[in-house]
Structures are given as C-alpha cells and as structure tokens.
Amino acid sequence: ESFAEALVPVMDSLEKALEASAGGSDSMREGIEITLR
C-alpha cells in the first residue's frame, strides 16, 4: 500500500508527459510509452 501510494503520482506524471510530448520527438515519446507500460 505505501509503495503504491508513492507510485501513483509517478504514473500521473508519465501520463501528463506523454500527452505533452504528442508533437515532440518520437524517441522521447517511445521511451515514455515503454516506461508507462
């Protein structure tokens, strides 16, 4: 539970970064997608 509470904001940040990088570099987007998976 405490581990999960710490990881939930990381998941939120990765999703926001993925949304923001929609027009950016393909390699950055691909790296974020792999991390998110």
PDB file of all heavy atoms in Angstrom:
ATOM      1  N   GLU A   1       0.808  -1.219   0.000  1.00  0.00           N
ATOM      2  CA  GLU A   1       0.000   0.000   0.000  1.00  0.00           C
ATOM      3  C   GLU A   1       0.843   1.273   0.000  1.00  0.00           C
ATOM      4  O   GLU A   1       0.621   2.170  -0.815  1.00  0.00           O
ATOM      5  CB  GLU A   1      -0.965   0.001   1.179  1.00  0.00           C
ATOM      6  CG  GLU A   1      -1.930   1.162   1.139  1.00  0.00           C
ATOM      7  CD  GLU A   1      -3.045   1.024   2.154  1.00  0.00           C
ATOM      8  OE1 GLU A   1      -3.059   0.052   2.929  1.00  0.00           O
ATOM      9  OE2 GLU A   1      -3.902   1.918   2.165  1.00  0.00           O
ATOM     10  N   SER A   2       1.822   1.400   0.876  1.00  0.00           N
ATOM     11  CA  SER A   2       2.616   2.632   0.924  1.00  0.00           C
ATOM     12  C   SER A   2       3.456   2.764  -0.345  1.00  0.00           C
ATOM     13  O   SER A   2       3.643   3.868  -0.866  1.00  0.00           O
ATOM     14  CB  SER A   2       3.506   2.659   2.163  1.00  0.00           C
ATOM     15  OG  SER A   2       4.437   1.598   2.130  1.00  0.00           O
ATOM     16  N   PHE A   3       3.945   1.646  -0.856  1.00  0.00           N
ATOM     17  CA  PHE A   3       4.680   1.653  -2.122  1.00  0.00           C
ATOM     18  C   PHE A   3       3.777   2.139  -3.254  1.00  0.00           C
ATOM     19  O   PHE A   3       4.176   2.965  -4.074  1.00  0.00           O
ATOM     20  CB  PHE A   3       5.193   0.234  -2.412  1.00  0.00           C
ATOM     21  CG  PHE A   3       5.822   0.065  -3.761  1.00  0.00           C
ATOM     22  CD1 PHE A   3       7.052   0.633  -4.037  1.00  0.00           C
ATOM     23  CD2 PHE A   3       5.187  -0.672  -4.744  1.00  0.00           C
ATOM     24  CE1 PHE A   3       7.645   0.474  -5.278  1.00  0.00           C
ATOM     25  CE2 PHE A   3       5.765  -0.834  -5.986  1.00  0.00           C
ATOM     26  CZ  PHE A   3       7.001  -0.256  -6.254  1.00  0.00           C
ATOM     27  N   ALA A   4       2.560   1.646  -3.263  1.00  0.00           N
ATOM     28  CA  ALA A   4       1.611   2.043  -4.304  1.00  0.00           C
ATOM     29  C   ALA A   4       1.268   3.531  -4.205  1.00  0.00           C
ATOM     30  O   ALA A   4       1.167   4.218  -5.230  1.00  0.00           O
ATOM     31  CB  ALA A   4       0.341   1.202  -4.199  1.00  0.00           C
ATOM     32  N   GLU A   5       1.108   4.027  -2.985  1.00  0.00           N
ATOM     33  CA  GLU A   5       0.811   5.452  -2.815  1.00  0.00           C
ATOM     34  C   GLU A   5       1.937   6.321  -3.374  1.00  0.00           C
ATOM     35  O   GLU A   5       1.693   7.392  -3.915  1.00  0.00           O
ATOM     36  CB  GLU A   5       0.582   5.777  -1.340  1.00  0.00           C
ATOM     37  CG  GLU A   5      -0.754   5.313  -0.815  1.00  0.00           C
ATOM     38  CD  GLU A   5      -0.926   5.552   0.675  1.00  0.00           C
ATOM     39  OE1 GLU A   5       0.084   5.808   1.374  1.00  0.00           O
ATOM     40  OE2 GLU A   5      -2.066   5.473   1.143  1.00  0.00           O
ATOM     41  N   ALA A   6       3.158   5.858  -3.275  1.00  0.00           N
ATOM     42  CA  ALA A   6       4.296   6.613  -3.808  1.00  0.00           C
ATOM     43  C   ALA A   6       4.363   6.531  -5.325  1.00  0.00           C
ATOM     44  O   ALA A   6       4.824   7.472  -5.982  1.00  0.00           O
ATOM     45  CB  ALA A   6       5.595   6.090  -3.194  1.00  0.00           C
ATOM     46  N   LEU A   7       3.904   5.422  -5.918  1.00  0.00           N
ATOM     47  CA  LEU A   7       3.992   5.248  -7.369  1.00  0.00           C
ATOM     48  C   LEU A   7       2.852   5.899  -8.143  1.00  0.00           C
ATOM     49  O   LEU A   7       3.020   6.204  -9.328  1.00  0.00           O
ATOM     50  CB  LEU A   7       4.046   3.761  -7.719  1.00  0.00           C
ATOM     51  CG  LEU A   7       5.379   3.078  -7.490  1.00  0.00           C
ATOM     52  CD1 LEU A   7       5.307   1.629  -7.917  1.00  0.00           C
ATOM     53  CD2 LEU A   7       6.502   3.779  -8.231  1.00  0.00           C
ATOM     54  N   VAL A   8       1.721   6.084  -7.519  1.00  0.00           N
ATOM     55  CA  VAL A   8       0.579   6.662  -8.228  1.00  0.00           C
ATOM     56  C   VAL A   8       0.904   8.042  -8.823  1.00  0.00           C
ATOM     57  O   VAL A   8       0.609   8.302  -9.997  1.00  0.00           O
ATOM     58  CB  VAL A   8      -0.672   6.689  -7.325  1.00  0.00           C
ATOM     59  CG1 VAL A   8      -1.752   7.578  -7.896  1.00  0.00           C
ATOM     60  CG2 VAL A   8      -1.191   5.272  -7.130  1.00  0.00           C
ATOM     61  N   PRO A   9       1.539   8.964  -8.106  1.00  0.00           N
ATOM     62  CA  PRO A   9       1.885  10.247  -8.726  1.00  0.00           C
ATOM     63  C   PRO A   9       2.869  10.092  -9.896  1.00  0.00           C
ATOM     64  O   PRO A   9       2.831  10.876 -10.852  1.00  0.00           O
ATOM     65  CB  PRO A   9       2.527  11.054  -7.591  1.00  0.00           C
ATOM     66  CG  PRO A   9       2.049  10.423  -6.344  1.00  0.00           C
ATOM     67  CD  PRO A   9       1.832   8.981  -6.676  1.00  0.00           C
ATOM     68  N   VAL A  10       3.744   9.090  -9.838  1.00  0.00           N
ATOM     69  CA  VAL A  10       4.670   8.837 -10.944  1.00  0.00           C
ATOM     70  C   VAL A  10       3.884   8.469 -12.187  1.00  0.00           C
ATOM     71  O   VAL A  10       4.171   8.952 -13.296  1.00  0.00           O
ATOM     72  CB  VAL A  10       5.675   7.709 -10.580  1.00  0.00           C
ATOM     73  CG1 VAL A  10       6.538   7.344 -11.761  1.00  0.00           C
ATOM     74  CG2 VAL A  10       6.525   8.125  -9.396  1.00  0.00           C
ATOM     75  N   MET A  11       2.877   7.617 -12.022  1.00  0.00           N
ATOM     76  CA  MET A  11       2.014   7.236 -13.138  1.00  0.00           C
ATOM     77  C   MET A  11       1.320   8.471 -13.707  1.00  0.00           C
ATOM     78  O   MET A  11       1.275   8.659 -14.929  1.00  0.00           O
ATOM     79  CB  MET A  11       0.990   6.209 -12.669  1.00  0.00           C
ATOM     80  CG  MET A  11      -0.003   5.797 -13.731  1.00  0.00           C
ATOM     81  SD  MET A  11       0.746   4.731 -14.939  1.00  0.00           S
ATOM     82  CE  MET A  11      -0.221   3.282 -14.697  1.00  0.00           C
ATOM     83  N   ASP A  12       0.811   9.334 -12.841  1.00  0.00           N
ATOM     84  CA  ASP A  12       0.149  10.562 -13.304  1.00  0.00           C
ATOM     85  C   ASP A  12       1.115  11.431 -14.107  1.00  0.00           C
ATOM     86  O   ASP A  12       0.764  11.940 -15.176  1.00  0.00           O
ATOM     87  CB  ASP A  12      -0.385  11.362 -12.108  1.00  0.00           C
ATOM     88  CG  ASP A  12      -1.539  10.676 -11.396  1.00  0.00           C
ATOM     89  OD1 ASP A  12      -2.186   9.800 -12.007  1.00  0.00           O
ATOM     90  OD2 ASP A  12      -1.785  11.021 -10.223  1.00  0.00           O
ATOM     91  N   SER A  13       2.332  11.588 -13.610  1.00  0.00           N
ATOM     92  CA  SER A  13       3.322  12.430 -14.286  1.00  0.00           C
ATOM     93  C   SER A  13       3.697  11.858 -15.649  1.00  0.00           C
ATOM     94  O   SER A  13       3.851  12.605 -16.628  1.00  0.00           O
ATOM     95  CB  SER A  13       4.587  12.572 -13.432  1.00  0.00           C
ATOM     96  OG  SER A  13       4.277  13.228 -12.235  1.00  0.00           O
ATOM     97  N   LEU A  14       3.869  10.553 -15.731  1.00  0.00           N
ATOM     98  CA  LEU A  14       4.197   9.925 -17.015  1.00  0.00           C
ATOM     99  C   LEU A  14       3.080  10.128 -18.033  1.00  0.00           C
ATOM    100  O   LEU A  14       3.340  10.394 -19.215  1.00  0.00           O
ATOM    101  CB  LEU A  14       4.465   8.433 -16.824  1.00  0.00           C
ATOM    102  CG  LEU A  14       5.847   8.054 -16.341  1.00  0.00           C
ATOM    103  CD1 LEU A  14       5.917   6.565 -16.029  1.00  0.00           C
ATOM    104  CD2 LEU A  14       6.892   8.419 -17.382  1.00  0.00           C
ATOM    105  N   GLU A  15       1.848   9.992 -17.583  1.00  0.00           N
ATOM    106  CA  GLU A  15       0.716  10.199 -18.493  1.00  0.00           C
ATOM    107  C   GLU A  15       0.664  11.640 -18.987  1.00  0.00           C
ATOM    108  O   GLU A  15       0.415  11.895 -20.168  1.00  0.00           O
ATOM    109  CB  GLU A  15      -0.593   9.806 -17.814  1.00  0.00           C
ATOM    110  CG  GLU A  15      -0.744   8.307 -17.655  1.00  0.00           C
ATOM    111  CD  GLU A  15      -1.994   7.905 -16.886  1.00  0.00           C
ATOM    112  OE1 GLU A  15      -2.569   8.751 -16.160  1.00  0.00           O
ATOM    113  OE2 GLU A  15      -2.381   6.730 -17.001  1.00  0.00           O
ATOM    114  N   LYS A  16       0.906  12.599 -18.091  1.00  0.00           N
ATOM    115  CA  LYS A  16       0.912  14.022 -18.495  1.00  0.00           C
ATOM    116  C   LYS A  16       2.064  14.306 -19.455  1.00  0.00           C
ATOM    117  O   LYS A  16       1.921  15.044 -20.423  1.00  0.00           O
ATOM    118  CB  LYS A  16       1.020  14.935 -17.264  1.00  0.00           C
ATOM    119  CG  LYS A  16      -0.162  14.871 -16.349  1.00  0.00           C
ATOM    120  CD  LYS A  16      -1.399  15.421 -17.024  1.00  0.00           C
ATOM    121  CE  LYS A  16      -2.569  15.353 -16.069  1.00  0.00           C
ATOM    122  NZ  LYS A  16      -3.829  15.642 -16.704  1.00  0.00           N
ATOM    123  N   ALA A  17       3.238  13.690 -19.199  1.00  0.00           N
ATOM    124  CA  ALA A  17       4.383  13.878 -20.093  1.00  0.00           C
ATOM    125  C   ALA A  17       4.084  13.312 -21.473  1.00  0.00           C
ATOM    126  O   ALA A  17       4.471  13.882 -22.499  1.00  0.00           O
ATOM    127  CB  ALA A  17       5.630  13.213 -19.507  1.00  0.00           C
ATOM    128  N   LEU A  18       3.394  12.199 -21.508  1.00  0.00           N
ATOM    129  CA  LEU A  18       3.035  11.584 -22.781  1.00  0.00           C
ATOM    130  C   LEU A  18       2.072  12.470 -23.555  1.00  0.00           C
ATOM    131  O   LEU A  18       2.215  12.635 -24.775  1.00  0.00           O
ATOM    132  CB  LEU A  18       2.408  10.208 -22.520  1.00  0.00           C
ATOM    133  CG  LEU A  18       2.241   9.286 -23.699  1.00  0.00           C
ATOM    134  CD1 LEU A  18       3.580   9.018 -24.371  1.00  0.00           C
ATOM    135  CD2 LEU A  18       1.629   7.963 -23.249  1.00  0.00           C
ATOM    136  N   GLU A  19       1.123  13.070 -22.853  1.00  0.00           N
ATOM    137  CA  GLU A  19       0.185  13.990 -23.501  1.00  0.00           C
ATOM    138  C   GLU A  19       0.919  15.228 -24.029  1.00  0.00           C
ATOM    139  O   GLU A  19       0.649  15.704 -25.130  1.00  0.00           O
ATOM    140  CB  GLU A  19      -0.903  14.425 -22.521  1.00  0.00           C
ATOM    141  CG  GLU A  19      -1.890  13.349 -22.159  1.00  0.00           C
ATOM    142  CD  GLU A  19      -2.836  13.778 -21.050  1.00  0.00           C
ATOM    143  OE1 GLU A  19      -2.879  14.984 -20.694  1.00  0.00           O
ATOM    144  OE2 GLU A  19      -3.529  12.896 -20.512  1.00  0.00           O
ATOM    145  N   ALA A  20       1.861  15.763 -23.248  1.00  0.00           N
ATOM    146  CA  ALA A  20       2.585  16.977 -23.628  1.00  0.00           C
ATOM    147  C   ALA A  20       3.563  16.731 -24.774  1.00  0.00           C
ATOM    148  O   ALA A  20       3.843  17.636 -25.550  1.00  0.00           O
ATOM    149  CB  ALA A  20       3.333  17.535 -22.420  1.00  0.00           C
ATOM    150  N   SER A  21       4.073  15.511 -24.894  1.00  0.00           N
ATOM    151  CA  SER A  21       5.062  15.240 -25.933  1.00  0.00           C
ATOM    152  C   SER A  21       4.431  14.745 -27.228  1.00  0.00           C
ATOM    153  O   SER A  21       5.131  14.218 -28.097  1.00  0.00           O
ATOM    154  CB  SER A  21       6.067  14.199 -25.427  1.00  0.00           C
ATOM    155  OG  SER A  21       5.438  12.930 -25.330  1.00  0.00           O
ATOM    156  N   ALA A  22       3.136  14.937 -27.392  1.00  0.00           N
ATOM    157  CA  ALA A  22       2.450  14.453 -28.590  1.00  0.00           C
ATOM    158  C   ALA A  22       3.054  15.030 -29.866  1.00  0.00           C
ATOM    159  O   ALA A  22       3.134  14.348 -30.877  1.00  0.00           O
ATOM    160  CB  ALA A  22       0.969  14.785 -28.512  1.00  0.00           C
ATOM    161  N   GLY A  23       3.508  16.251 -29.836  1.00  0.00           N
ATOM    162  CA  GLY A  23       4.086  16.867 -31.032  1.00  0.00           C
ATOM    163  C   GLY A  23       5.603  16.826 -31.046  1.00  0.00           C
ATOM    164  O   GLY A  23       6.228  17.274 -31.986  1.00  0.00           O
ATOM    165  N   GLY A  24       6.236  16.277 -30.018  1.00  0.00           N
ATOM    166  CA  GLY A  24       7.692  16.295 -29.879  1.00  0.00           C
ATOM    167  C   GLY A  24       8.370  15.103 -30.525  1.00  0.00           C
ATOM    168  O   GLY A  24       7.846  14.447 -31.426  1.00  0.00           O
ATOM    169  N   SER A  25       9.536  14.832 -30.054  1.00  0.00           N
ATOM    170  CA  SER A  25      10.403  13.788 -30.585  1.00  0.00           C
ATOM    171  C   SER A  25       9.783  12.407 -30.422  1.00  0.00           C
ATOM    172  O   SER A  25       9.225  12.068 -29.386  1.00  0.00           O
ATOM    173  CB  SER A  25      11.747  13.886 -29.860  1.00  0.00           C
ATOM    174  OG  SER A  25      12.360  12.661 -29.739  1.00  0.00           O
ATOM    175  N   ASP A  26       9.936  11.579 -31.467  1.00  0.00           N
ATOM    176  CA  ASP A  26       9.395  10.220 -31.445  1.00  0.00           C
ATOM    177  C   ASP A  26      10.132   9.327 -30.450  1.00  0.00           C
ATOM    178  O   ASP A  26       9.520   8.481 -29.815  1.00  0.00           O
ATOM    179  CB  ASP A  26       9.453   9.593 -32.841  1.00  0.00           C
ATOM    180  CG  ASP A  26       8.405  10.175 -33.778  1.00  0.00           C
ATOM    181  OD1 ASP A  26       7.409  10.733 -33.266  1.00  0.00           O
ATOM    182  OD2 ASP A  26       8.583  10.052 -35.003  1.00  0.00           O
ATOM    183  N   SER A  27      11.442   9.487 -30.309  1.00  0.00           N
ATOM    184  CA  SER A  27      12.193   8.621 -29.392  1.00  0.00           C
ATOM    185  C   SER A  27      11.829   8.911 -27.939  1.00  0.00           C
ATOM    186  O   SER A  27      11.738   7.993 -27.125  1.00  0.00           O
ATOM    187  CB  SER A  27      13.697   8.775 -29.607  1.00  0.00           C
ATOM    188  OG  SER A  27      14.102  10.098 -29.334  1.00  0.00           O
ATOM    189  N   MET A  28      11.592  10.171 -27.602  1.00  0.00           N
ATOM    190  CA  MET A  28      11.188  10.509 -26.241  1.00  0.00           C
ATOM    191  C   MET A  28       9.801   9.923 -25.955  1.00  0.00           C
ATOM    192  O   MET A  28       9.577   9.333 -24.900  1.00  0.00           O
ATOM    193  CB  MET A  28      11.161  12.021 -26.042  1.00  0.00           C
ATOM    194  CG  MET A  28      10.772  12.435 -24.631  1.00  0.00           C
ATOM    195  SD  MET A  28      10.860  14.223 -24.490  1.00  0.00           S
ATOM    196  CE  MET A  28       9.914  14.474 -23.043  1.00  0.00           C
ATOM    197  N   ARG A  29       8.930  10.076 -26.907  1.00  0.00           N
ATOM    198  CA  ARG A  29       7.575   9.534 -26.751  1.00  0.00           C
ATOM    199  C   ARG A  29       7.626   8.018 -26.597  1.00  0.00           C
ATOM    200  O   ARG A  29       6.939   7.457 -25.742  1.00  0.00           O
ATOM    201  CB  ARG A  29       6.706   9.929 -27.939  1.00  0.00           C
ATOM    202  CG  ARG A  29       5.285   9.416 -27.838  1.00  0.00           C
ATOM    203  CD  ARG A  29       4.409  10.014 -28.929  1.00  0.00           C
ATOM    204  NE  ARG A  29       3.071   9.502 -28.862  1.00  0.00           N
ATOM    205  CZ  ARG A  29       2.142   9.876 -27.989  1.00  0.00           C
ATOM    206  NH1 ARG A  29       2.426  10.781 -27.091  1.00  0.00           N
ATOM    207  NH2 ARG A  29       0.938   9.346 -28.007  1.00  0.00           N
ATOM    208  N   GLU A  30       8.428   7.339 -27.383  1.00  0.00           N
ATOM    209  CA  GLU A  30       8.536   5.890 -27.324  1.00  0.00           C
ATOM    210  C   GLU A  30       9.080   5.445 -25.952  1.00  0.00           C
ATOM    211  O   GLU A  30       8.587   4.487 -25.360  1.00  0.00           O
ATOM    212  CB  GLU A  30       9.448   5.378 -28.436  1.00  0.00           C
ATOM    213  CG  GLU A  30       9.517   3.872 -28.528  1.00  0.00           C
ATOM    214  CD  GLU A  30      10.396   3.409 -29.671  1.00  0.00           C
ATOM    215  OE1 GLU A  30      10.518   4.131 -30.673  1.00  0.00           O
ATOM    216  OE2 GLU A  30      10.978   2.322 -29.534  1.00  0.00           O
ATOM    217  N   GLY A  31      10.077   6.150 -25.445  1.00  0.00           N
ATOM    218  CA  GLY A  31      10.635   5.831 -24.132  1.00  0.00           C
ATOM    219  C   GLY A  31       9.612   5.998 -23.027  1.00  0.00           C
ATOM    220  O   GLY A  31       9.529   5.168 -22.104  1.00  0.00           O
ATOM    221  N   ILE A  32       8.831   7.054 -23.098  1.00  0.00           N
ATOM    222  CA  ILE A  32       7.789   7.285 -22.094  1.00  0.00           C
ATOM    223  C   ILE A  32       6.720   6.195 -22.183  1.00  0.00           C
ATOM    224  O   ILE A  32       6.255   5.684 -21.162  1.00  0.00           O
ATOM    225  CB  ILE A  32       7.168   8.697 -22.264  1.00  0.00           C
ATOM    226  CG1 ILE A  32       8.203   9.767 -21.920  1.00  0.00           C
ATOM    227  CG2 ILE A  32       5.932   8.845 -21.374  1.00  0.00           C
ATOM    228  CD1 ILE A  32       7.764  11.182 -22.232  1.00  0.00           C
ATOM    229  N   GLU A  33       6.355   5.806 -23.411  1.00  0.00           N
ATOM    230  CA  GLU A  33       5.344   4.753 -23.579  1.00  0.00           C
ATOM    231  C   GLU A  33       5.821   3.424 -23.000  1.00  0.00           C
ATOM    232  O   GLU A  33       5.061   2.704 -22.351  1.00  0.00           O
ATOM    233  CB  GLU A  33       4.986   4.584 -25.056  1.00  0.00           C
ATOM    234  CG  GLU A  33       4.130   5.703 -25.594  1.00  0.00           C
ATOM    235  CD  GLU A  33       3.897   5.590 -27.099  1.00  0.00           C
ATOM    236  OE1 GLU A  33       4.575   4.786 -27.782  1.00  0.00           O
ATOM    237  OE2 GLU A  33       3.012   6.312 -27.597  1.00  0.00           O
ATOM    238  N   ILE A  34       7.090   3.084 -23.217  1.00  0.00           N
ATOM    239  CA  ILE A  34       7.650   1.835 -22.676  1.00  0.00           C
ATOM    240  C   ILE A  34       7.646   1.871 -21.152  1.00  0.00           C
ATOM    241  O   ILE A  34       7.249   0.910 -20.482  1.00  0.00           O
ATOM    242  CB  ILE A  34       9.075   1.591 -23.228  1.00  0.00           C
ATOM    243  CG1 ILE A  34       9.009   1.266 -24.713  1.00  0.00           C
ATOM    244  CG2 ILE A  34       9.784   0.483 -22.459  1.00  0.00           C
ATOM    245  CD1 ILE A  34      10.363   1.273 -25.409  1.00  0.00           C
ATOM    246  N   THR A  35       8.068   3.018 -20.576  1.00  0.00           N
ATOM    247  CA  THR A  35       8.086   3.169 -19.123  1.00  0.00           C
ATOM    248  C   THR A  35       6.669   3.054 -18.548  1.00  0.00           C
ATOM    249  O   THR A  35       6.451   2.387 -17.528  1.00  0.00           O
ATOM    250  CB  THR A  35       8.702   4.530 -18.728  1.00  0.00           C
ATOM    251  OG1 THR A  35       9.987   4.637 -19.324  1.00  0.00           O
ATOM    252  CG2 THR A  35       8.817   4.671 -17.227  1.00  0.00           C
ATOM    253  N   LEU A  36       5.737   3.657 -19.218  1.00  0.00           N
ATOM    254  CA  LEU A  36       4.347   3.614 -18.769  1.00  0.00           C
ATOM    255  C   LEU A  36       3.800   2.180 -18.828  1.00  0.00           C
ATOM    256  O   LEU A  36       3.112   1.737 -17.905  1.00  0.00           O
ATOM    257  CB  LEU A  36       3.490   4.548 -19.627  1.00  0.00           C
ATOM    258  CG  LEU A  36       2.071   4.827 -19.173  1.00  0.00           C
ATOM    259  CD1 LEU A  36       2.064   5.355 -17.747  1.00  0.00           C
ATOM    260  CD2 LEU A  36       1.409   5.820 -20.099  1.00  0.00           C
ATOM    261  N   ARG A  37       4.118   1.430 -19.872  1.00  0.00           N
ATOM    262  CA  ARG A  37       3.676   0.028 -19.965  1.00  0.00           C
ATOM    263  C   ARG A  37       4.263  -0.807 -18.827  1.00  0.00           C
ATOM    264  O   ARG A  37       3.583  -1.640 -18.234  1.00  0.00           O
ATOM    265  CB  ARG A  37       4.082  -0.577 -21.320  1.00  0.00           C
ATOM    266  CG  ARG A  37       3.097  -0.296 -22.433  1.00  0.00           C
ATOM    267  CD  ARG A  37       3.333  -1.210 -23.624  1.00  0.00           C
ATOM    268  NE  ARG A  37       4.676  -1.112 -24.180  1.00  0.00           N
ATOM    269  CZ  ARG A  37       5.043  -0.306 -25.167  1.00  0.00           C
ATOM    270  NH1 ARG A  37       4.160   0.501 -25.727  1.00  0.00           N
ATOM    271  NH2 ARG A  37       6.287  -0.297 -25.610  1.00  0.00           N
TER     272      ARG A  37
END
